[in-house]
Amino acid sequence: SWGFGVFEAAQYLNSLKNSEELVIWSDRNGVCQFFKGKCIQSSTIENDQIEVDYFVFSRRGELLWPFKWAHSEIANKEVKFYYSDQREVVWELFIGGRKANYMKIVKSQEAKP
């Protein structure tokens, strides 16, 4: 769980205003261990019941453990958007200085007005 970048990602999220009230989804358990708010790790996000504020992706997680919406018909963005270059990356760490090995935090586009 102490993989490279998980503590740093949690530190960034914990520094945000009202971090205790935020909901994140992560493909790495270690982020959840250090994050003050609510952390989801399920491969299926029950988007009719919970609103995710941020997604935390690792390179390995993106390849092996992508999420899916339980109710894609009510999502603002398709899952593939969050794995694309169009996503809004608000924080990133390139492990060992290699762009192919990273931790990224992506702002959710699912917030209700």
PDB file of N, CA and C in Angstrom:
ATOM      1  N   SER A   1       0.814  -1.204   0.000  1.00  0.00           N
ATOM      2  CA  SER A   1       0.000   0.000   0.000  1.00  0.00           C
ATOM      3  C   SER A   1       0.854   1.263   0.000  1.00  0.00           C
ATOM      4  N   TRP A   2       2.117   1.148   0.313  1.00  0.00           N
ATOM      5  CA  TRP A   2       3.018   2.301   0.322  1.00  0.00           C
ATOM      6  C   TRP A   2       3.687   2.470  -1.029  1.00  0.00           C
ATOM      7  N   GLY A   3       2.939   2.303  -2.094  1.00  0.00           N
ATOM      8  CA  GLY A   3       3.494   2.488  -3.428  1.00  0.00           C
ATOM      9  C   GLY A   3       3.913   3.927  -3.642  1.00  0.00           C
ATOM     10  N   PHE A   4       4.790   4.121  -4.586  1.00  0.00           N
ATOM     11  CA  PHE A   4       5.267   5.465  -4.892  1.00  0.00           C
ATOM     12  C   PHE A   4       4.114   6.384  -5.254  1.00  0.00           C
ATOM     13  N   GLY A   5       4.053   7.522  -4.608  1.00  0.00           N
ATOM     14  CA  GLY A   5       3.102   8.565  -4.946  1.00  0.00           C
ATOM     15  C   GLY A   5       1.785   8.535  -4.203  1.00  0.00           C
ATOM     16  N   VAL A   6       1.443   7.439  -3.521  1.00  0.00           N
ATOM     17  CA  VAL A   6       0.132   7.388  -2.864  1.00  0.00           C
ATOM     18  C   VAL A   6       0.044   8.365  -1.691  1.00  0.00           C
ATOM     19  N   PHE A   7       1.075   8.452  -0.899  1.00  0.00           N
ATOM     20  CA  PHE A   7       1.071   9.385   0.225  1.00  0.00           C
ATOM     21  C   PHE A   7       1.016  10.822  -0.279  1.00  0.00           C
ATOM     22  N   GLU A   8       1.789  11.123  -1.298  1.00  0.00           N
ATOM     23  CA  GLU A   8       1.818  12.472  -1.864  1.00  0.00           C
ATOM     24  C   GLU A   8       0.463  12.860  -2.451  1.00  0.00           C
ATOM     25  N   ALA A   9      -0.202  11.917  -3.114  1.00  0.00           N
ATOM     26  CA  ALA A   9      -1.537  12.185  -3.662  1.00  0.00           C
ATOM     27  C   ALA A   9      -2.516  12.487  -2.531  1.00  0.00           C
ATOM     28  N   ALA A  10      -2.469  11.700  -1.465  1.00  0.00           N
ATOM     29  CA  ALA A  10      -3.344  11.933  -0.313  1.00  0.00           C
ATOM     30  C   ALA A  10      -3.039  13.281   0.333  1.00  0.00           C
ATOM     31  N   GLN A  11      -1.773  13.642   0.426  1.00  0.00           N
ATOM     32  CA  GLN A  11      -1.399  14.945   0.993  1.00  0.00           C
ATOM     33  C   GLN A  11      -2.030  16.076   0.193  1.00  0.00           C
ATOM     34  N   TYR A  12      -1.946  15.983  -1.134  1.00  0.00           N
ATOM     35  CA  TYR A  12      -2.550  17.024  -1.977  1.00  0.00           C
ATOM     36  C   TYR A  12      -4.047  17.118  -1.698  1.00  0.00           C
ATOM     37  N   LEU A  13      -4.739  15.992  -1.720  1.00  0.00           N
ATOM     38  CA  LEU A  13      -6.185  15.990  -1.493  1.00  0.00           C
ATOM     39  C   LEU A  13      -6.537  16.511  -0.101  1.00  0.00           C
ATOM     40  N   ASN A  14      -5.755  16.139   0.898  1.00  0.00           N
ATOM     41  CA  ASN A  14      -5.998  16.606   2.261  1.00  0.00           C
ATOM     42  C   ASN A  14      -5.773  18.101   2.414  1.00  0.00           C
ATOM     43  N   SER A  15      -5.010  18.703   1.507  1.00  0.00           N
ATOM     44  CA  SER A  15      -4.752  20.146   1.571  1.00  0.00           C
ATOM     45  C   SER A  15      -5.890  20.965   0.967  1.00  0.00           C
ATOM     46  N   LEU A  16      -6.834  20.309   0.297  1.00  0.00           N
ATOM     47  CA  LEU A  16      -7.947  21.019  -0.324  1.00  0.00           C
ATOM     48  C   LEU A  16      -8.974  21.440   0.718  1.00  0.00           C
ATOM     49  N   LYS A  17      -9.666  22.525   0.426  1.00  0.00           N
ATOM     50  CA  LYS A  17     -10.705  23.033   1.313  1.00  0.00           C
ATOM     51  C   LYS A  17     -11.754  21.942   1.531  1.00  0.00           C
ATOM     52  N   ASN A  18     -12.173  21.752   2.762  1.00  0.00           N
ATOM     53  CA  ASN A  18     -13.199  20.776   3.133  1.00  0.00           C
ATOM     54  C   ASN A  18     -12.839  19.352   2.709  1.00  0.00           C
ATOM     55  N   SER A  19     -11.573  18.994   2.822  1.00  0.00           N
ATOM     56  CA  SER A  19     -11.132  17.668   2.378  1.00  0.00           C
ATOM     57  C   SER A  19     -11.879  16.535   3.074  1.00  0.00           C
ATOM     58  N   GLU A  20     -12.288  16.758   4.308  1.00  0.00           N
ATOM     59  CA  GLU A  20     -13.019  15.725   5.050  1.00  0.00           C
ATOM     60  C   GLU A  20     -14.373  15.417   4.422  1.00  0.00           C
ATOM     61  N   GLU A  21     -14.892  16.351   3.634  1.00  0.00           N
ATOM     62  CA  GLU A  21     -16.197  16.183   2.994  1.00  0.00           C
ATOM     63  C   GLU A  21     -16.090  15.675   1.560  1.00  0.00           C
ATOM     64  N   LEU A  22     -14.885  15.574   1.050  1.00  0.00           N
ATOM     65  CA  LEU A  22     -14.699  15.133  -0.338  1.00  0.00           C
ATOM     66  C   LEU A  22     -14.870  13.621  -0.469  1.00  0.00           C
ATOM     67  N   VAL A  23     -15.261  13.216  -1.673  1.00  0.00           N
ATOM     68  CA  VAL A  23     -15.352  11.802  -2.029  1.00  0.00           C
ATOM     69  C   VAL A  23     -14.413  11.578  -3.202  1.00  0.00           C
ATOM     70  N   ILE A  24     -13.525  10.605  -3.048  1.00  0.00           N
ATOM     71  CA  ILE A  24     -12.607  10.270  -4.134  1.00  0.00           C
ATOM     72  C   ILE A  24     -12.792   8.800  -4.517  1.00  0.00           C
ATOM     73  N   TRP A  25     -12.399   8.486  -5.724  1.00  0.00           N
ATOM     74  CA  TRP A  25     -12.263   7.100  -6.163  1.00  0.00           C
ATOM     75  C   TRP A  25     -10.793   6.906  -6.490  1.00  0.00           C
ATOM     76  N   SER A  26     -10.228   5.787  -6.057  1.00  0.00           N
ATOM     77  CA  SER A  26      -8.816   5.527  -6.320  1.00  0.00           C
ATOM     78  C   SER A  26      -8.609   4.081  -6.734  1.00  0.00           C
ATOM     79  N   ASP A  27      -7.645   3.887  -7.620  1.00  0.00           N
ATOM     80  CA  ASP A  27      -7.265   2.522  -7.996  1.00  0.00           C
ATOM     81  C   ASP A  27      -6.111   2.011  -7.134  1.00  0.00           C
ATOM     82  N   ARG A  28      -5.747   2.782  -6.100  1.00  0.00           N
ATOM     83  CA  ARG A  28      -4.678   2.395  -5.173  1.00  0.00           C
ATOM     84  C   ARG A  28      -5.158   2.508  -3.731  1.00  0.00           C
ATOM     85  N   ASN A  29      -5.107   1.416  -3.003  1.00  0.00           N
ATOM     86  CA  ASN A  29      -5.543   1.365  -1.612  1.00  0.00           C
ATOM     87  C   ASN A  29      -4.774   2.338  -0.728  1.00  0.00           C
ATOM     88  N   GLY A  30      -3.510   2.521  -0.983  1.00  0.00           N
ATOM     89  CA  GLY A  30      -2.681   3.376  -0.140  1.00  0.00           C
ATOM     90  C   GLY A  30      -3.183   4.797  -0.043  1.00  0.00           C
ATOM     91  N   VAL A  31      -3.757   5.325  -1.108  1.00  0.00           N
ATOM     92  CA  VAL A  31      -4.302   6.681  -1.067  1.00  0.00           C
ATOM     93  C   VAL A  31      -5.413   6.748  -0.025  1.00  0.00           C
ATOM     94  N   CYS A  32      -6.267   5.753  -0.009  1.00  0.00           N
ATOM     95  CA  CYS A  32      -7.395   5.727   0.920  1.00  0.00           C
ATOM     96  C   CYS A  32      -6.934   5.687   2.374  1.00  0.00           C
ATOM     97  N   GLN A  33      -5.832   5.025   2.636  1.00  0.00           N
ATOM     98  CA  GLN A  33      -5.325   4.917   4.001  1.00  0.00           C
ATOM     99  C   GLN A  33      -4.910   6.263   4.576  1.00  0.00           C
ATOM    100  N   PHE A  34      -4.516   7.187   3.728  1.00  0.00           N
ATOM    101  CA  PHE A  34      -4.031   8.485   4.189  1.00  0.00           C
ATOM    102  C   PHE A  34      -5.011   9.634   3.976  1.00  0.00           C
ATOM    103  N   PHE A  35      -6.044   9.414   3.186  1.00  0.00           N
ATOM    104  CA  PHE A  35      -6.993  10.474   2.851  1.00  0.00           C
ATOM    105  C   PHE A  35      -8.004  10.676   3.982  1.00  0.00           C
ATOM    106  N   LYS A  36      -8.328  11.948   4.308  1.00  0.00           N
ATOM    107  CA  LYS A  36      -9.229  12.299   5.407  1.00  0.00           C
ATOM    108  C   LYS A  36     -10.707  12.121   5.057  1.00  0.00           C
ATOM    109  N   GLY A  37     -11.047  12.211   3.789  1.00  0.00           N
ATOM    110  CA  GLY A  37     -12.450  12.133   3.374  1.00  0.00           C
ATOM    111  C   GLY A  37     -12.870  10.705   3.086  1.00  0.00           C
ATOM    112  N   LYS A  38     -13.888  10.563   2.249  1.00  0.00           N
ATOM    113  CA  LYS A  38     -14.394   9.244   1.883  1.00  0.00           C
ATOM    114  C   LYS A  38     -13.701   8.772   0.612  1.00  0.00           C
ATOM    115  N   CYS A  39     -13.264   7.523   0.629  1.00  0.00           N
ATOM    116  CA  CYS A  39     -12.542   6.951  -0.501  1.00  0.00           C
ATOM    117  C   CYS A  39     -13.261   5.692  -0.977  1.00  0.00           C
ATOM    118  N   ILE A  40     -13.503   5.631  -2.263  1.00  0.00           N
ATOM    119  CA  ILE A  40     -14.146   4.482  -2.890  1.00  0.00           C
ATOM    120  C   ILE A  40     -13.095   3.736  -3.697  1.00  0.00           C
ATOM    121  N   GLN A  41     -13.131   2.419  -3.637  1.00  0.00           N
ATOM    122  CA  GLN A  41     -12.202   1.620  -4.426  1.00  0.00           C
ATOM    123  C   GLN A  41     -12.893   0.576  -5.285  1.00  0.00           C
ATOM    124  N   SER A  42     -14.173   0.460  -5.149  1.00  0.00           N
ATOM    125  CA  SER A  42     -14.918  -0.539  -5.904  1.00  0.00           C
ATOM    126  C   SER A  42     -14.724  -0.320  -7.409  1.00  0.00           C
ATOM    127  N   SER A  43     -14.694  -1.392  -8.158  1.00  0.00           N
ATOM    128  CA  SER A  43     -14.541  -1.258  -9.610  1.00  0.00           C
ATOM    129  C   SER A  43     -15.794  -0.660 -10.243  1.00  0.00           C
ATOM    130  N   THR A  44     -16.927  -0.748  -9.553  1.00  0.00           N
ATOM    131  CA  THR A  44     -18.169  -0.152 -10.033  1.00  0.00           C
ATOM    132  C   THR A  44     -18.581   0.972  -9.090  1.00  0.00           C
ATOM    133  N   ILE A  45     -18.764   2.158  -9.655  1.00  0.00           N
ATOM    134  CA  ILE A  45     -19.180   3.312  -8.857  1.00  0.00           C
ATOM    135  C   ILE A  45     -20.694   3.446  -8.944  1.00  0.00           C
ATOM    136  N   GLU A  46     -21.335   3.403  -7.798  1.00  0.00           N
ATOM    137  CA  GLU A  46     -22.791   3.542  -7.713  1.00  0.00           C
ATOM    138  C   GLU A  46     -23.154   5.023  -7.845  1.00  0.00           C
ATOM    139  N   ASN A  47     -23.099   5.514  -9.069  1.00  0.00           N
ATOM    140  CA  ASN A  47     -23.247   6.944  -9.319  1.00  0.00           C
ATOM    141  C   ASN A  47     -24.672   7.462  -9.138  1.00  0.00           C
ATOM    142  N   ASP A  48     -25.611   6.598  -8.804  1.00  0.00           N
ATOM    143  CA  ASP A  48     -26.937   7.069  -8.433  1.00  0.00           C
ATOM    144  C   ASP A  48     -27.024   7.348  -6.935  1.00  0.00           C
ATOM    145  N   GLN A  49     -25.996   6.923  -6.193  1.00  0.00           N
ATOM    146  CA  GLN A  49     -25.994   7.074  -4.742  1.00  0.00           C
ATOM    147  C   GLN A  49     -24.885   7.979  -4.227  1.00  0.00           C
ATOM    148  N   ILE A  50     -23.827   8.111  -4.993  1.00  0.00           N
ATOM    149  CA  ILE A  50     -22.659   8.859  -4.513  1.00  0.00           C
ATOM    150  C   ILE A  50     -22.080   9.704  -5.641  1.00  0.00           C
ATOM    151  N   GLU A  51     -21.581  10.862  -5.264  1.00  0.00           N
ATOM    152  CA  GLU A  51     -20.990  11.786  -6.222  1.00  0.00           C
ATOM    153  C   GLU A  51     -19.489  11.895  -5.940  1.00  0.00           C
ATOM    154  N   VAL A  52     -18.689  11.499  -6.885  1.00  0.00           N
ATOM    155  CA  VAL A  52     -17.234  11.529  -6.741  1.00  0.00           C
ATOM    156  C   VAL A  52     -16.717  12.918  -7.092  1.00  0.00           C
ATOM    157  N   ASP A  53     -15.847  13.462  -6.223  1.00  0.00           N
ATOM    158  CA  ASP A  53     -15.247  14.778  -6.473  1.00  0.00           C
ATOM    159  C   ASP A  53     -13.954  14.680  -7.271  1.00  0.00           C
ATOM    160  N   TYR A  54     -13.153  13.642  -6.984  1.00  0.00           N
ATOM    161  CA  TYR A  54     -11.866  13.455  -7.653  1.00  0.00           C
ATOM    162  C   TYR A  54     -11.620  11.974  -7.895  1.00  0.00           C
ATOM    163  N   PHE A  55     -10.874  11.691  -8.958  1.00  0.00           N
ATOM    164  CA  PHE A  55     -10.406  10.347  -9.262  1.00  0.00           C
ATOM    165  C   PHE A  55      -8.896  10.336  -9.103  1.00  0.00           C
ATOM    166  N   VAL A  56      -8.359   9.272  -8.507  1.00  0.00           N
ATOM    167  CA  VAL A  56      -6.909   9.132  -8.351  1.00  0.00           C
ATOM    168  C   VAL A  56      -6.495   7.905  -9.158  1.00  0.00           C
ATOM    169  N   PHE A  57      -5.657   8.159 -10.153  1.00  0.00           N
ATOM    170  CA  PHE A  57      -5.225   7.101 -11.058  1.00  0.00           C
ATOM    171  C   PHE A  57      -3.725   6.859 -10.944  1.00  0.00           C
ATOM    172  N   SER A  58      -3.351   5.604 -11.010  1.00  0.00           N
ATOM    173  CA  SER A  58      -1.949   5.233 -11.193  1.00  0.00           C
ATOM    174  C   SER A  58      -1.847   4.602 -12.576  1.00  0.00           C
ATOM    175  N   ARG A  59      -0.659   4.562 -13.115  1.00  0.00           N
ATOM    176  CA  ARG A  59      -0.492   3.938 -14.435  1.00  0.00           C
ATOM    177  C   ARG A  59      -0.910   2.474 -14.378  1.00  0.00           C
ATOM    178  N   ARG A  60      -0.451   1.761 -13.376  1.00  0.00           N
ATOM    179  CA  ARG A  60      -0.788   0.342 -13.243  1.00  0.00           C
ATOM    180  C   ARG A  60      -2.296   0.149 -13.071  1.00  0.00           C
ATOM    181  N   GLY A  61      -2.903   0.997 -12.247  1.00  0.00           N
ATOM    182  CA  GLY A  61      -4.343   0.904 -12.022  1.00  0.00           C
ATOM    183  C   GLY A  61      -5.153   1.179 -13.271  1.00  0.00           C
ATOM    184  N   GLU A  62      -4.706   2.150 -14.065  1.00  0.00           N
ATOM    185  CA  GLU A  62      -5.419   2.450 -15.303  1.00  0.00           C
ATOM    186  C   GLU A  62      -5.417   1.242 -16.237  1.00  0.00           C
ATOM    187  N   LEU A  63      -4.341   0.503 -16.218  1.00  0.00           N
ATOM    188  CA  LEU A  63      -4.240  -0.677 -17.088  1.00  0.00           C
ATOM    189  C   LEU A  63      -5.018  -1.874 -16.540  1.00  0.00           C
ATOM    190  N   LEU A  64      -4.984  -2.062 -15.217  1.00  0.00           N
ATOM    191  CA  LEU A  64      -5.525  -3.286 -14.625  1.00  0.00           C
ATOM    192  C   LEU A  64      -6.884  -3.140 -13.946  1.00  0.00           C
ATOM    193  N   TRP A  65      -7.194  -1.971 -13.388  1.00  0.00           N
ATOM    194  CA  TRP A  65      -8.391  -1.830 -12.566  1.00  0.00           C
ATOM    195  C   TRP A  65      -9.219  -0.594 -12.924  1.00  0.00           C
ATOM    196  N   PRO A  66      -9.633  -0.431 -14.165  1.00  0.00           N
ATOM    197  CA  PRO A  66     -10.460   0.743 -14.486  1.00  0.00           C
ATOM    198  C   PRO A  66     -11.836   0.634 -13.823  1.00  0.00           C
ATOM    199  N   PHE A  67     -12.434   1.779 -13.527  1.00  0.00           N
ATOM    200  CA  PHE A  67     -13.767   1.764 -12.932  1.00  0.00           C
ATOM    201  C   PHE A  67     -14.823   1.739 -14.033  1.00  0.00           C
ATOM    202  N   LYS A  68     -16.060   1.488 -13.614  1.00  0.00           N
ATOM    203  CA  LYS A  68     -17.197   1.617 -14.514  1.00  0.00           C
ATOM    204  C   LYS A  68     -18.350   2.215 -13.712  1.00  0.00           C
ATOM    205  N   TRP A  69     -19.256   2.865 -14.412  1.00  0.00           N
ATOM    206  CA  TRP A  69     -20.444   3.419 -13.780  1.00  0.00           C
ATOM    207  C   TRP A  69     -21.479   2.322 -13.599  1.00  0.00           C
ATOM    208  N   ALA A  70     -22.137   2.302 -12.470  1.00  0.00           N
ATOM    209  CA  ALA A  70     -23.257   1.389 -12.274  1.00  0.00           C
ATOM    210  C   ALA A  70     -24.438   1.829 -13.142  1.00  0.00           C
ATOM    211  N   HIS A  71     -24.533   3.151 -13.337  1.00  0.00           N
ATOM    212  CA  HIS A  71     -25.638   3.720 -14.120  1.00  0.00           C
ATOM    213  C   HIS A  71     -25.071   4.718 -15.127  1.00  0.00           C
ATOM    214  N   SER A  72     -24.544   4.206 -16.200  1.00  0.00           N
ATOM    215  CA  SER A  72     -23.889   5.073 -17.196  1.00  0.00           C
ATOM    216  C   SER A  72     -24.859   6.067 -17.823  1.00  0.00           C
ATOM    217  N   GLU A  73     -26.146   5.741 -17.815  1.00  0.00           N
ATOM    218  CA  GLU A  73     -27.133   6.629 -18.431  1.00  0.00           C
ATOM    219  C   GLU A  73     -27.297   7.950 -17.672  1.00  0.00           C
ATOM    220  N   ILE A  74     -26.888   8.015 -16.418  1.00  0.00           N
ATOM    221  CA  ILE A  74     -27.012   9.274 -15.673  1.00  0.00           C
ATOM    222  C   ILE A  74     -25.664   9.980 -15.479  1.00  0.00           C
ATOM    223  N   ALA A  75     -24.588   9.397 -15.974  1.00  0.00           N
ATOM    224  CA  ALA A  75     -23.262  10.021 -15.844  1.00  0.00           C
ATOM    225  C   ALA A  75     -23.148  11.202 -16.801  1.00  0.00           C
ATOM    226  N   ASN A  76     -22.473  12.252 -16.351  1.00  0.00           N
ATOM    227  CA  ASN A  76     -22.213  13.401 -17.222  1.00  0.00           C
ATOM    228  C   ASN A  76     -21.177  13.059 -18.289  1.00  0.00           C
ATOM    229  N   LYS A  77     -20.217  12.229 -17.937  1.00  0.00           N
ATOM    230  CA  LYS A  77     -19.148  11.831 -18.855  1.00  0.00           C
ATOM    231  C   LYS A  77     -19.035  10.316 -18.868  1.00  0.00           C
ATOM    232  N   GLU A  78     -18.714   9.779 -20.029  1.00  0.00           N
ATOM    233  CA  GLU A  78     -18.458   8.349 -20.133  1.00  0.00           C
ATOM    234  C   GLU A  78     -17.165   8.024 -19.401  1.00  0.00           C
ATOM    235  N   VAL A  79     -17.035   6.792 -18.962  1.00  0.00           N
ATOM    236  CA  VAL A  79     -15.827   6.362 -18.259  1.00  0.00           C
ATOM    237  C   VAL A  79     -14.586   6.663 -19.085  1.00  0.00           C
ATOM    238  N   LYS A  80     -14.639   6.425 -20.390  1.00  0.00           N
ATOM    239  CA  LYS A  80     -13.448   6.617 -21.235  1.00  0.00           C
ATOM    240  C   LYS A  80     -12.934   8.055 -21.191  1.00  0.00           C
ATOM    241  N   PHE A  81     -13.804   9.029 -20.889  1.00  0.00           N
ATOM    242  CA  PHE A  81     -13.373  10.418 -20.753  1.00  0.00           C
ATOM    243  C   PHE A  81     -12.314  10.551 -19.663  1.00  0.00           C
ATOM    244  N   TYR A  82     -12.527   9.869 -18.532  1.00  0.00           N
ATOM    245  CA  TYR A  82     -11.621   9.988 -17.390  1.00  0.00           C
ATOM    246  C   TYR A  82     -10.277   9.296 -17.622  1.00  0.00           C
ATOM    247  N   TYR A  83     -10.190   8.508 -18.665  1.00  0.00           N
ATOM    248  CA  TYR A  83      -8.943   7.849 -19.033  1.00  0.00           C
ATOM    249  C   TYR A  83      -8.341   8.480 -20.295  1.00  0.00           C
ATOM    250  N   SER A  84      -8.872   9.615 -20.714  1.00  0.00           N
ATOM    251  CA  SER A  84      -8.426  10.261 -21.947  1.00  0.00           C
ATOM    252  C   SER A  84      -7.580  11.498 -21.653  1.00  0.00           C
ATOM    253  N   ASP A  85      -7.029  12.076 -22.692  1.00  0.00           N
ATOM    254  CA  ASP A  85      -6.249  13.311 -22.568  1.00  0.00           C
ATOM    255  C   ASP A  85      -7.138  14.531 -22.338  1.00  0.00           C
ATOM    256  N   GLN A  86      -8.444  14.364 -22.431  1.00  0.00           N
ATOM    257  CA  GLN A  86      -9.378  15.478 -22.219  1.00  0.00           C
ATOM    258  C   GLN A  86      -9.670  15.732 -20.743  1.00  0.00           C
ATOM    259  N   ARG A  87      -9.347  14.776 -19.905  1.00  0.00           N
ATOM    260  CA  ARG A  87      -9.637  14.909 -18.478  1.00  0.00           C
ATOM    261  C   ARG A  87      -8.850  16.062 -17.860  1.00  0.00           C
ATOM    262  N   GLU A  88      -9.374  16.620 -16.780  1.00  0.00           N
ATOM    263  CA  GLU A  88      -8.723  17.743 -16.102  1.00  0.00           C
ATOM    264  C   GLU A  88      -7.832  17.213 -14.977  1.00  0.00           C
ATOM    265  N   VAL A  89      -6.545  17.093 -15.274  1.00  0.00           N
ATOM    266  CA  VAL A  89      -5.577  16.635 -14.282  1.00  0.00           C
ATOM    267  C   VAL A  89      -5.202  17.828 -13.412  1.00  0.00           C
ATOM    268  N   VAL A  90      -5.441  17.708 -12.106  1.00  0.00           N
ATOM    269  CA  VAL A  90      -5.153  18.815 -11.189  1.00  0.00           C
ATOM    270  C   VAL A  90      -3.860  18.607 -10.408  1.00  0.00           C
ATOM    271  N   TRP A  91      -3.358  17.378 -10.414  1.00  0.00           N
ATOM    272  CA  TRP A  91      -2.097  17.057  -9.728  1.00  0.00           C
ATOM    273  C   TRP A  91      -1.532  15.807 -10.364  1.00  0.00           C
ATOM    274  N   GLU A  92      -0.198  15.775 -10.517  1.00  0.00           N
ATOM    275  CA  GLU A  92       0.434  14.572 -11.047  1.00  0.00           C
ATOM    276  C   GLU A  92       1.852  14.446 -10.518  1.00  0.00           C
ATOM    277  N   LEU A  93       2.282  13.214 -10.431  1.00  0.00           N
ATOM    278  CA  LEU A  93       3.643  12.900  -9.999  1.00  0.00           C
ATOM    279  C   LEU A  93       4.172  11.845 -10.950  1.00  0.00           C
ATOM    280  N   PHE A  94       5.290  12.153 -11.582  1.00  0.00           N
ATOM    281  CA  PHE A  94       5.933  11.185 -12.471  1.00  0.00           C
ATOM    282  C   PHE A  94       7.002  10.464 -11.672  1.00  0.00           C
ATOM    283  N   ILE A  95       6.782   9.198 -11.436  1.00  0.00           N
ATOM    284  CA  ILE A  95       7.653   8.404 -10.568  1.00  0.00           C
ATOM    285  C   ILE A  95       8.951   8.102 -11.311  1.00  0.00           C
ATOM    286  N   GLY A  96      10.052   8.424 -10.653  1.00  0.00           N
ATOM    287  CA  GLY A  96      11.356   8.234 -11.269  1.00  0.00           C
ATOM    288  C   GLY A  96      11.573   9.143 -12.463  1.00  0.00           C
ATOM    289  N   GLY A  97      10.772  10.220 -12.565  1.00  0.00           N
ATOM    290  CA  GLY A  97      10.894  11.144 -13.682  1.00  0.00           C
ATOM    291  C   GLY A  97      10.392  10.573 -15.000  1.00  0.00           C
ATOM    292  N   ARG A  98       9.697   9.440 -14.958  1.00  0.00           N
ATOM    293  CA  ARG A  98       9.208   8.791 -16.181  1.00  0.00           C
ATOM    294  C   ARG A  98       7.721   9.101 -16.373  1.00  0.00           C
ATOM    295  N   LYS A  99       7.379   9.700 -17.504  1.00  0.00           N
ATOM    296  CA  LYS A  99       5.980  10.056 -17.777  1.00  0.00           C
ATOM    297  C   LYS A  99       5.082   8.835 -17.891  1.00  0.00           C
ATOM    298  N   ALA A 100       5.643   7.670 -18.152  1.00  0.00           N
ATOM    299  CA  ALA A 100       4.851   6.446 -18.289  1.00  0.00           C
ATOM    300  C   ALA A 100       4.549   5.797 -16.938  1.00  0.00           C
ATOM    301  N   ASN A 101       5.073   6.343 -15.849  1.00  0.00           N
ATOM    302  CA  ASN A 101       4.845   5.791 -14.516  1.00  0.00           C
ATOM    303  C   ASN A 101       4.407   6.947 -13.621  1.00  0.00           C
ATOM    304  N   TYR A 102       3.134   6.979 -13.267  1.00  0.00           N
ATOM    305  CA  TYR A 102       2.608   8.184 -12.618  1.00  0.00           C
ATOM    306  C   TYR A 102       1.502   7.897 -11.630  1.00  0.00           C
ATOM    307  N   MET A 103       1.197   8.940 -10.880  1.00  0.00           N
ATOM    308  CA  MET A 103      -0.024   9.085 -10.085  1.00  0.00           C
ATOM    309  C   MET A 103      -0.648  10.385 -10.585  1.00  0.00           C
ATOM    310  N   LYS A 104      -1.963  10.372 -10.842  1.00  0.00           N
ATOM    311  CA  LYS A 104      -2.669  11.570 -11.302  1.00  0.00           C
ATOM    312  C   LYS A 104      -3.973  11.713 -10.543  1.00  0.00           C
ATOM    313  N   ILE A 105      -4.308  12.966 -10.251  1.00  0.00           N
ATOM    314  CA  ILE A 105      -5.588  13.282  -9.644  1.00  0.00           C
ATOM    315  C   ILE A 105      -6.370  14.063 -10.680  1.00  0.00           C
ATOM    316  N   VAL A 106      -7.588  13.600 -10.929  1.00  0.00           N
ATOM    317  CA  VAL A 106      -8.441  14.159 -11.967  1.00  0.00           C
ATOM    318  C   VAL A 106      -9.714  14.710 -11.325  1.00  0.00           C
ATOM    319  N   LYS A 107     -10.077  15.917 -11.698  1.00  0.00           N
ATOM    320  CA  LYS A 107     -11.309  16.536 -11.205  1.00  0.00           C
ATOM    321  C   LYS A 107     -12.504  15.869 -11.863  1.00  0.00           C
ATOM    322  N   SER A 108     -13.468  15.504 -11.058  1.00  0.00           N
ATOM    323  CA  SER A 108     -14.689  14.890 -11.575  1.00  0.00           C
ATOM    324  C   SER A 108     -15.543  15.909 -12.310  1.00  0.00           C
ATOM    325  N   GLN A 109     -16.193  15.459 -13.338  1.00  0.00           N
ATOM    326  CA  GLN A 109     -17.149  16.289 -14.088  1.00  0.00           C
ATOM    327  C   GLN A 109     -18.577  15.863 -13.761  1.00  0.00           C
ATOM    328  N   GLU A 110     -18.746  15.154 -12.654  1.00  0.00           N
ATOM    329  CA  GLU A 110     -20.038  14.590 -12.298  1.00  0.00           C
ATOM    330  C   GLU A 110     -20.824  15.414 -11.282  1.00  0.00           C
ATOM    331  N   ALA A 111     -20.248  16.494 -10.786  1.00  0.00           N
ATOM    332  CA  ALA A 111     -20.903  17.276  -9.747  1.00  0.00           C
ATOM    333  C   ALA A 111     -22.254  17.797 -10.224  1.00  0.00           C
ATOM    334  N   LYS A 112     -23.225  17.687  -9.351  1.00  0.00           N
ATOM    335  CA  LYS A 112     -24.569  18.196  -9.652  1.00  0.00           C
ATOM    336  C   LYS A 112     -24.601  19.677  -9.295  1.00  0.00           C
ATOM    337  N   PRO A 113     -25.339  20.467 -10.088  1.00  0.00           N
ATOM    338  CA  PRO A 113     -25.397  21.923  -9.805  1.00  0.00           C
ATOM    339  C   PRO A 113     -26.063  22.234  -8.477  1.00  0.00           C
TER     340      PRO A 113
END
